[in-house]
PDB file of N, CA and C in Angstrom:
ATOM      1  N   MET A   1      54.675 118.970 285.360  1.00  0.00           N
ATOM      2  CA  MET A   1      55.259 120.205 284.872  1.00  0.00           C
ATOM      3  C   MET A   1      56.495 120.490 285.719  1.00  0.00           C
ATOM      4  N   GLU A   2      57.599 120.814 285.040  1.00  0.00           N
ATOM      5  CA  GLU A   2      58.831 121.128 285.742  1.00  0.00           C
ATOM      6  C   GLU A   2      59.072 122.629 285.686  1.00  0.00           C
ATOM      7  N   LEU A   3      59.218 123.250 286.852  1.00  0.00           N
ATOM      8  CA  LEU A   3      59.459 124.685 286.963  1.00  0.00           C
ATOM      9  C   LEU A   3      60.827 124.913 287.591  1.00  0.00           C
ATOM     10  N   LEU A   4      61.623 125.768 286.971  1.00  0.00           N
ATOM     11  CA  LEU A   4      62.933 126.118 287.501  1.00  0.00           C
ATOM     12  C   LEU A   4      63.005 127.618 287.713  1.00  0.00           C
ATOM     13  N   VAL A   5      63.431 128.014 288.889  1.00  0.00           N
ATOM     14  CA  VAL A   5      63.707 129.421 289.170  1.00  0.00           C
ATOM     15  C   VAL A   5      65.222 129.555 289.193  1.00  0.00           C
ATOM     16  N   LEU A   6      65.746 130.402 288.303  1.00  0.00           N
ATOM     17  CA  LEU A   6      67.182 130.578 288.168  1.00  0.00           C
ATOM     18  C   LEU A   6      67.615 131.886 288.805  1.00  0.00           C
ATOM     19  N   GLY A   7      68.693 131.818 289.586  1.00  0.00           N
ATOM     20  CA  GLY A   7      69.240 133.021 290.190  1.00  0.00           C
ATOM     21  C   GLY A   7      70.126 132.679 291.356  1.00  0.00           C
ATOM     22  N   PRO A   8      70.887 133.657 291.824  1.00  0.00           N
ATOM     23  CA  PRO A   8      71.857 133.417 292.883  1.00  0.00           C
ATOM     24  C   PRO A   8      71.249 133.266 294.285  1.00  0.00           C
ATOM     25  N   GLY A   9      69.952 133.422 294.406  1.00  0.00           N
ATOM     26  CA  GLY A   9      69.324 133.313 295.716  1.00  0.00           C
ATOM     27  C   GLY A   9      68.987 134.654 296.329  1.00  0.00           C
ATOM     28  N   CYS A  10      68.958 135.692 295.507  1.00  0.00           N
ATOM     29  CA  CYS A  10      68.655 137.046 295.987  1.00  0.00           C
ATOM     30  C   CYS A  10      67.172 137.171 296.353  1.00  0.00           C
ATOM     31  N   THR A  11      66.808 138.316 296.859  1.00  0.00           N
ATOM     32  CA  THR A  11      65.429 138.575 297.266  1.00  0.00           C
ATOM     33  C   THR A  11      64.457 138.420 296.101  1.00  0.00           C
ATOM     34  N   LYS A  12      64.829 138.944 294.930  1.00  0.00           N
ATOM     35  CA  LYS A  12      63.949 138.825 293.763  1.00  0.00           C
ATOM     36  C   LYS A  12      63.775 137.362 293.353  1.00  0.00           C
ATOM     37  N   CYS A  13      64.837 136.581 293.453  1.00  0.00           N
ATOM     38  CA  CYS A  13      64.760 135.152 293.113  1.00  0.00           C
ATOM     39  C   CYS A  13      63.800 134.442 294.069  1.00  0.00           C
ATOM     40  N   GLN A  14      63.889 134.768 295.329  1.00  0.00           N
ATOM     41  CA  GLN A  14      63.000 134.164 296.322  1.00  0.00           C
ATOM     42  C   GLN A  14      61.552 134.567 296.067  1.00  0.00           C
ATOM     43  N   LYS A  15      61.335 135.837 295.723  1.00  0.00           N
ATOM     44  CA  LYS A  15      59.976 136.301 295.427  1.00  0.00           C
ATOM     45  C   LYS A  15      59.409 135.587 294.215  1.00  0.00           C
ATOM     46  N   LEU A  16      60.242 135.383 293.179  1.00  0.00           N
ATOM     47  CA  LEU A  16      59.782 134.671 291.988  1.00  0.00           C
ATOM     48  C   LEU A  16      59.413 133.235 292.330  1.00  0.00           C
ATOM     49  N   ALA A  17      60.230 132.574 293.144  1.00  0.00           N
ATOM     50  CA  ALA A  17      59.938 131.190 293.536  1.00  0.00           C
ATOM     51  C   ALA A  17      58.627 131.117 294.317  1.00  0.00           C
ATOM     52  N   GLU A  18      58.446 132.038 295.260  1.00  0.00           N
ATOM     53  CA  GLU A  18      57.226 132.043 296.074  1.00  0.00           C
ATOM     54  C   GLU A  18      55.989 132.330 295.220  1.00  0.00           C
ATOM     55  N   ALA A  19      56.095 133.313 294.343  1.00  0.00           N
ATOM     56  CA  ALA A  19      54.958 133.679 293.497  1.00  0.00           C
ATOM     57  C   ALA A  19      54.624 132.563 292.509  1.00  0.00           C
ATOM     58  N   THR A  20      55.640 131.901 291.974  1.00  0.00           N
ATOM     59  CA  THR A  20      55.412 130.791 291.040  1.00  0.00           C
ATOM     60  C   THR A  20      54.729 129.638 291.752  1.00  0.00           C
ATOM     61  N   ALA A  21      55.181 129.318 292.953  1.00  0.00           N
ATOM     62  CA  ALA A  21      54.554 128.251 293.734  1.00  0.00           C
ATOM     63  C   ALA A  21      53.103 128.601 294.040  1.00  0.00           C
ATOM     64  N   GLN A  22      52.845 129.853 294.398  1.00  0.00           N
ATOM     65  CA  GLN A  22      51.476 130.284 294.690  1.00  0.00           C
ATOM     66  C   GLN A  22      50.599 130.184 293.449  1.00  0.00           C
ATOM     67  N   ALA A  23      51.099 130.622 292.304  1.00  0.00           N
ATOM     68  CA  ALA A  23      50.328 130.563 291.057  1.00  0.00           C
ATOM     69  C   ALA A  23      49.990 129.117 290.706  1.00  0.00           C
ATOM     70  N   ALA A  24      50.963 128.226 290.835  1.00  0.00           N
ATOM     71  CA  ALA A  24      50.726 126.806 290.535  1.00  0.00           C
ATOM     72  C   ALA A  24      49.693 126.221 291.489  1.00  0.00           C
ATOM     73  N   ARG A  25      49.791 126.578 292.766  1.00  0.00           N
ATOM     74  CA  ARG A  25      48.817 126.100 293.769  1.00  0.00           C
ATOM     75  C   ARG A  25      47.417 126.574 293.431  1.00  0.00           C
ATOM     76  N   GLU A  26      47.292 127.859 293.129  1.00  0.00           N
ATOM     77  CA  GLU A  26      45.978 128.433 292.834  1.00  0.00           C
ATOM     78  C   GLU A  26      45.360 127.840 291.572  1.00  0.00           C
ATOM     79  N   LEU A  27      46.207 127.395 290.636  1.00  0.00           N
ATOM     80  CA  LEU A  27      45.712 126.764 289.413  1.00  0.00           C
ATOM     81  C   LEU A  27      45.502 125.256 289.583  1.00  0.00           C
ATOM     82  N   GLY A  28      45.936 124.718 290.727  1.00  0.00           N
ATOM     83  CA  GLY A  28      45.791 123.294 290.971  1.00  0.00           C
ATOM     84  C   GLY A  28      46.701 122.442 290.102  1.00  0.00           C
ATOM     85  N   LEU A  29      47.870 122.972 289.750  1.00  0.00           N
ATOM     86  CA  LEU A  29      48.799 122.255 288.883  1.00  0.00           C
ATOM     87  C   LEU A  29      49.699 121.326 289.685  1.00  0.00           C
ATOM     88  N   GLU A  30      49.946 120.163 289.131  1.00  0.00           N
ATOM     89  CA  GLU A  30      50.959 119.283 289.695  1.00  0.00           C
ATOM     90  C   GLU A  30      52.271 119.685 289.051  1.00  0.00           C
ATOM     91  N   CYS A  31      53.233 120.076 289.886  1.00  0.00           N
ATOM     92  CA  CYS A  31      54.507 120.514 289.335  1.00  0.00           C
ATOM     93  C   CYS A  31      55.627 120.257 290.319  1.00  0.00           C
ATOM     94  N   GLN A  32      56.828 120.313 289.782  1.00  0.00           N
ATOM     95  CA  GLN A  32      58.029 120.208 290.600  1.00  0.00           C
ATOM     96  C   GLN A  32      58.770 121.532 290.437  1.00  0.00           C
ATOM     97  N   LEU A  33      58.953 122.256 291.544  1.00  0.00           N
ATOM     98  CA  LEU A  33      59.629 123.552 291.514  1.00  0.00           C
ATOM     99  C   LEU A  33      61.023 123.389 292.097  1.00  0.00           C
ATOM    100  N   SER A  34      62.029 123.772 291.323  1.00  0.00           N
ATOM    101  CA  SER A  34      63.420 123.697 291.778  1.00  0.00           C
ATOM    102  C   SER A  34      64.062 125.063 291.622  1.00  0.00           C
ATOM    103  N   LYS A  35      65.015 125.343 292.499  1.00  0.00           N
ATOM    104  CA  LYS A  35      65.783 126.583 292.408  1.00  0.00           C
ATOM    105  C   LYS A  35      67.194 126.222 291.947  1.00  0.00           C
ATOM    106  N   ILE A  36      67.653 126.904 290.922  1.00  0.00           N
ATOM    107  CA  ILE A  36      68.992 126.686 290.381  1.00  0.00           C
ATOM    108  C   ILE A  36      69.821 127.924 290.691  1.00  0.00           C
ATOM    109  N   THR A  37      70.873 127.748 291.487  1.00  0.00           N
ATOM    110  CA  THR A  37      71.719 128.879 291.869  1.00  0.00           C
ATOM    111  C   THR A  37      73.108 128.800 291.240  1.00  0.00           C
ATOM    112  N   ASP A  38      73.455 127.662 290.665  1.00  0.00           N
ATOM    113  CA  ASP A  38      74.773 127.468 290.065  1.00  0.00           C
ATOM    114  C   ASP A  38      74.878 128.249 288.750  1.00  0.00           C
ATOM    115  N   LEU A  39      75.844 129.164 288.686  1.00  0.00           N
ATOM    116  CA  LEU A  39      75.993 130.032 287.525  1.00  0.00           C
ATOM    117  C   LEU A  39      76.220 129.237 286.238  1.00  0.00           C
ATOM    118  N   ASN A  40      76.991 128.165 286.297  1.00  0.00           N
ATOM    119  CA  ASN A  40      77.240 127.364 285.095  1.00  0.00           C
ATOM    120  C   ASN A  40      75.963 126.737 284.566  1.00  0.00           C
ATOM    121  N   GLN A  41      75.103 126.247 285.461  1.00  0.00           N
ATOM    122  CA  GLN A  41      73.822 125.680 285.026  1.00  0.00           C
ATOM    123  C   GLN A  41      72.925 126.761 284.417  1.00  0.00           C
ATOM    124  N   ILE A  42      72.933 127.940 285.029  1.00  0.00           N
ATOM    125  CA  ILE A  42      72.122 129.053 284.526  1.00  0.00           C
ATOM    126  C   ILE A  42      72.587 129.439 283.122  1.00  0.00           C
ATOM    127  N   LEU A  43      73.899 129.530 282.918  1.00  0.00           N
ATOM    128  CA  LEU A  43      74.435 129.893 281.612  1.00  0.00           C
ATOM    129  C   LEU A  43      74.178 128.808 280.569  1.00  0.00           C
ATOM    130  N   THR A  44      74.127 127.555 280.998  1.00  0.00           N
ATOM    131  CA  THR A  44      73.811 126.452 280.086  1.00  0.00           C
ATOM    132  C   THR A  44      72.428 126.648 279.471  1.00  0.00           C
ATOM    133  N   LEU A  45      71.527 127.253 280.233  1.00  0.00           N
ATOM    134  CA  LEU A  45      70.171 127.521 279.741  1.00  0.00           C
ATOM    135  C   LEU A  45      70.108 128.838 278.952  1.00  0.00           C
ATOM    136  N   ARG A  46      71.276 129.452 278.727  1.00  0.00           N
ATOM    137  CA  ARG A  46      71.403 130.707 277.965  1.00  0.00           C
ATOM    138  C   ARG A  46      70.649 131.873 278.620  1.00  0.00           C
ATOM    139  N   VAL A  47      70.661 131.895 279.936  1.00  0.00           N
ATOM    140  CA  VAL A  47      70.019 132.988 280.679  1.00  0.00           C
ATOM    141  C   VAL A  47      71.105 133.930 281.172  1.00  0.00           C
ATOM    142  N   MET A  48      70.953 135.203 280.828  1.00  0.00           N
ATOM    143  CA  MET A  48      71.941 136.209 281.219  1.00  0.00           C
ATOM    144  C   MET A  48      71.426 137.134 282.320  1.00  0.00           C
ATOM    145  N   LEU A  49      70.110 137.223 282.480  1.00  0.00           N
ATOM    146  CA  LEU A  49      69.521 138.063 283.515  1.00  0.00           C
ATOM    147  C   LEU A  49      68.705 137.206 284.465  1.00  0.00           C
ATOM    148  N   THR A  50      68.901 137.430 285.743  1.00  0.00           N
ATOM    149  CA  THR A  50      68.103 136.720 286.744  1.00  0.00           C
ATOM    150  C   THR A  50      67.327 137.741 287.550  1.00  0.00           C
ATOM    151  N   PRO A  51      66.248 137.344 288.169  1.00  0.00           N
ATOM    152  CA  PRO A  51      65.735 135.978 288.230  1.00  0.00           C
ATOM    153  C   PRO A  51      65.130 135.567 286.893  1.00  0.00           C
ATOM    154  N   ALA A  52      65.031 134.268 286.706  1.00  0.00           N
ATOM    155  CA  ALA A  52      64.433 133.744 285.485  1.00  0.00           C
ATOM    156  C   ALA A  52      63.549 132.552 285.839  1.00  0.00           C
ATOM    157  N   LEU A  53      62.555 132.323 284.997  1.00  0.00           N
ATOM    158  CA  LEU A  53      61.644 131.193 285.175  1.00  0.00           C
ATOM    159  C   LEU A  53      61.688 130.333 283.922  1.00  0.00           C
ATOM    160  N   VAL A  54      61.919 129.038 284.134  1.00  0.00           N
ATOM    161  CA  VAL A  54      61.933 128.061 283.048  1.00  0.00           C
ATOM    162  C   VAL A  54      60.790 127.095 283.303  1.00  0.00           C
ATOM    163  N   VAL A  55      59.947 126.903 282.285  1.00  0.00           N
ATOM    164  CA  VAL A  55      58.805 125.998 282.389  1.00  0.00           C
ATOM    165  C   VAL A  55      58.994 124.878 281.377  1.00  0.00           C
ATOM    166  N   ASP A  56      59.130 123.657 281.877  1.00  0.00           N
ATOM    167  CA  ASP A  56      59.329 122.488 281.011  1.00  0.00           C
ATOM    168  C   ASP A  56      60.419 122.732 279.971  1.00  0.00           C
ATOM    169  N   GLY A  57      61.541 123.304 280.398  1.00  0.00           N
ATOM    170  CA  GLY A  57      62.690 123.496 279.531  1.00  0.00           C
ATOM    171  C   GLY A  57      62.697 124.765 278.703  1.00  0.00           C
ATOM    172  N   ALA A  58      61.620 125.530 278.730  1.00  0.00           N
ATOM    173  CA  ALA A  58      61.539 126.770 277.953  1.00  0.00           C
ATOM    174  C   ALA A  58      61.631 127.982 278.881  1.00  0.00           C
ATOM    175  N   VAL A  59      62.540 128.895 278.570  1.00  0.00           N
ATOM    176  CA  VAL A  59      62.697 130.118 279.367  1.00  0.00           C
ATOM    177  C   VAL A  59      61.493 131.013 279.092  1.00  0.00           C
ATOM    178  N   LYS A  60      60.772 131.374 280.149  1.00  0.00           N
ATOM    179  CA  LYS A  60      59.556 132.182 280.007  1.00  0.00           C
ATOM    180  C   LYS A  60      59.717 133.610 280.514  1.00  0.00           C
ATOM    181  N   VAL A  61      60.580 133.816 281.511  1.00  0.00           N
ATOM    182  CA  VAL A  61      60.756 135.142 282.111  1.00  0.00           C
ATOM    183  C   VAL A  61      62.227 135.314 282.465  1.00  0.00           C
ATOM    184  N   THR A  62      62.786 136.503 282.182  1.00  0.00           N
ATOM    185  CA  THR A  62      64.145 136.804 282.626  1.00  0.00           C
ATOM    186  C   THR A  62      64.211 138.235 283.138  1.00  0.00           C
ATOM    187  N   GLY A  63      65.009 138.418 284.183  1.00  0.00           N
ATOM    188  CA  GLY A  63      65.322 139.750 284.669  1.00  0.00           C
ATOM    189  C   GLY A  63      64.258 140.484 285.455  1.00  0.00           C
ATOM    190  N   ARG A  64      63.166 139.790 285.832  1.00  0.00           N
ATOM    191  CA  ARG A  64      62.109 140.486 286.576  1.00  0.00           C
ATOM    192  C   ARG A  64      61.230 139.472 287.298  1.00  0.00           C
ATOM    193  N   VAL A  65      60.397 139.998 288.187  1.00  0.00           N
ATOM    194  CA  VAL A  65      59.402 139.176 288.883  1.00  0.00           C
ATOM    195  C   VAL A  65      58.034 139.591 288.354  1.00  0.00           C
ATOM    196  N   PRO A  66      57.404 138.733 287.549  1.00  0.00           N
ATOM    197  CA  PRO A  66      56.091 139.078 287.010  1.00  0.00           C
ATOM    198  C   PRO A  66      55.019 139.055 288.090  1.00  0.00           C
ATOM    199  N   SER A  67      53.885 139.663 287.794  1.00  0.00           N
ATOM    200  CA  SER A  67      52.759 139.652 288.731  1.00  0.00           C
ATOM    201  C   SER A  67      52.223 138.231 288.855  1.00  0.00           C
ATOM    202  N   LEU A  68      51.459 137.998 289.890  1.00  0.00           N
ATOM    203  CA  LEU A  68      50.845 136.688 290.107  1.00  0.00           C
ATOM    204  C   LEU A  68      49.949 136.327 288.927  1.00  0.00           C
ATOM    205  N   GLU A  69      49.204 137.293 288.424  1.00  0.00           N
ATOM    206  CA  GLU A  69      48.306 137.023 287.294  1.00  0.00           C
ATOM    207  C   GLU A  69      49.096 136.661 286.035  1.00  0.00           C
ATOM    208  N   GLU A  70      50.199 137.351 285.798  1.00  0.00           N
ATOM    209  CA  GLU A  70      51.022 137.011 284.632  1.00  0.00           C
ATOM    210  C   GLU A  70      51.618 135.612 284.772  1.00  0.00           C
ATOM    211  N   LEU A  71      52.048 135.260 285.974  1.00  0.00           N
ATOM    212  CA  LEU A  71      52.573 133.908 286.201  1.00  0.00           C
ATOM    213  C   LEU A  71      51.497 132.857 285.934  1.00  0.00           C
ATOM    214  N   LYS A  72      50.273 133.142 286.358  1.00  0.00           N
ATOM    215  CA  LYS A  72      49.177 132.206 286.097  1.00  0.00           C
ATOM    216  C   LYS A  72      48.965 132.042 284.595  1.00  0.00           C
ATOM    217  N   GLN A  73      49.030 133.137 283.847  1.00  0.00           N
ATOM    218  CA  GLN A  73      48.860 133.062 282.396  1.00  0.00           C
ATOM    219  C   GLN A  73      49.961 132.213 281.766  1.00  0.00           C
ATOM    220  N   ILE A  74      51.192 132.395 282.226  1.00  0.00           N
ATOM    221  CA  ILE A  74      52.321 131.622 281.704  1.00  0.00           C
ATOM    222  C   ILE A  74      52.115 130.134 281.986  1.00  0.00           C
ATOM    223  N   LEU A  75      51.701 129.822 283.213  1.00  0.00           N
ATOM    224  CA  LEU A  75      51.515 128.419 283.587  1.00  0.00           C
ATOM    225  C   LEU A  75      50.318 127.801 282.882  1.00  0.00           C
ATOM    226  N   ARG A  76      49.246 128.567 282.723  1.00  0.00           N
ATOM    227  CA  ARG A  76      48.077 128.053 281.976  1.00  0.00           C
ATOM    228  C   ARG A  76      48.468 127.690 280.549  1.00  0.00           C
ATOM    229  N   ALA A  77      49.224 128.577 279.911  1.00  0.00           N
ATOM    230  CA  ALA A  77      49.623 128.356 278.517  1.00  0.00           C
ATOM    231  C   ALA A  77      50.543 127.141 278.381  1.00  0.00           C
ATOM    232  N   ALA A  78      51.314 126.854 279.416  1.00  0.00           N
ATOM    233  CA  ALA A  78      52.263 125.740 279.358  1.00  0.00           C
ATOM    234  C   ALA A  78      51.670 124.432 279.863  1.00  0.00           C
ATOM    235  N   ARG A  79      50.479 124.511 280.465  1.00  0.00           N
ATOM    236  CA  ARG A  79      49.857 123.320 281.047  1.00  0.00           C
ATOM    237  C   ARG A  79      49.617 122.271 279.965  1.00  0.00           C
ATOM    238  N   PRO A  80      49.991 121.022 280.245  1.00  0.00           N
ATOM    239  CA  PRO A  80      49.719 119.960 279.275  1.00  0.00           C
ATOM    240  C   PRO A  80      48.216 119.814 279.044  1.00  0.00           C
ATOM    241  N   GLN A  81      47.841 119.694 277.805  1.00  0.00           N
ATOM    242  CA  GLN A  81      46.428 119.538 277.458  1.00  0.00           C
ATOM    243  C   GLN A  81      46.041 118.078 277.584  1.00  0.00           C
ATOM    244  N   PRO A  82      44.846 117.812 278.131  1.00  0.00           N
ATOM    245  CA  PRO A  82      44.410 116.415 278.225  1.00  0.00           C
ATOM    246  C   PRO A  82      44.222 115.837 276.831  1.00  0.00           C
ATOM    247  N   SER A  83      44.599 114.587 276.682  1.00  0.00           N
ATOM    248  CA  SER A  83      44.470 113.946 275.377  1.00  0.00           C
ATOM    249  C   SER A  83      43.030 113.488 275.165  1.00  0.00           C
ATOM    250  N   ALA A  84      42.537 113.656 273.962  1.00  0.00           N
ATOM    251  CA  ALA A  84      41.184 113.229 273.632  1.00  0.00           C
ATOM    252  C   ALA A  84      41.219 111.749 273.283  1.00  0.00           C
ATOM    253  N   ALA A  85      40.419 110.989 273.970  1.00  0.00           N
ATOM    254  CA  ALA A  85      40.425 109.544 273.732  1.00  0.00           C
ATOM    255  C   ALA A  85      39.221 109.119 272.931  1.00  0.00           C
TER     256      ALA A  85
END
């Protein structure tokens, strides 16, 4: 799972990154968390409000820091489902 935290590096952006990492840890998810601070890259993803969270290419949160429980719900919903063999 690829997680991107978008923002200029402000306090809210840092809080979102920390909370997202904690939520992923608590759920036992394997993921790669990256912080994107470049405005051109952020605009390429069509994000106008930061902080923002992108999960596997889909923008899930913009302009706020969700609660830890809400982040867990977002990550659970985006978690790849095991294939039935």
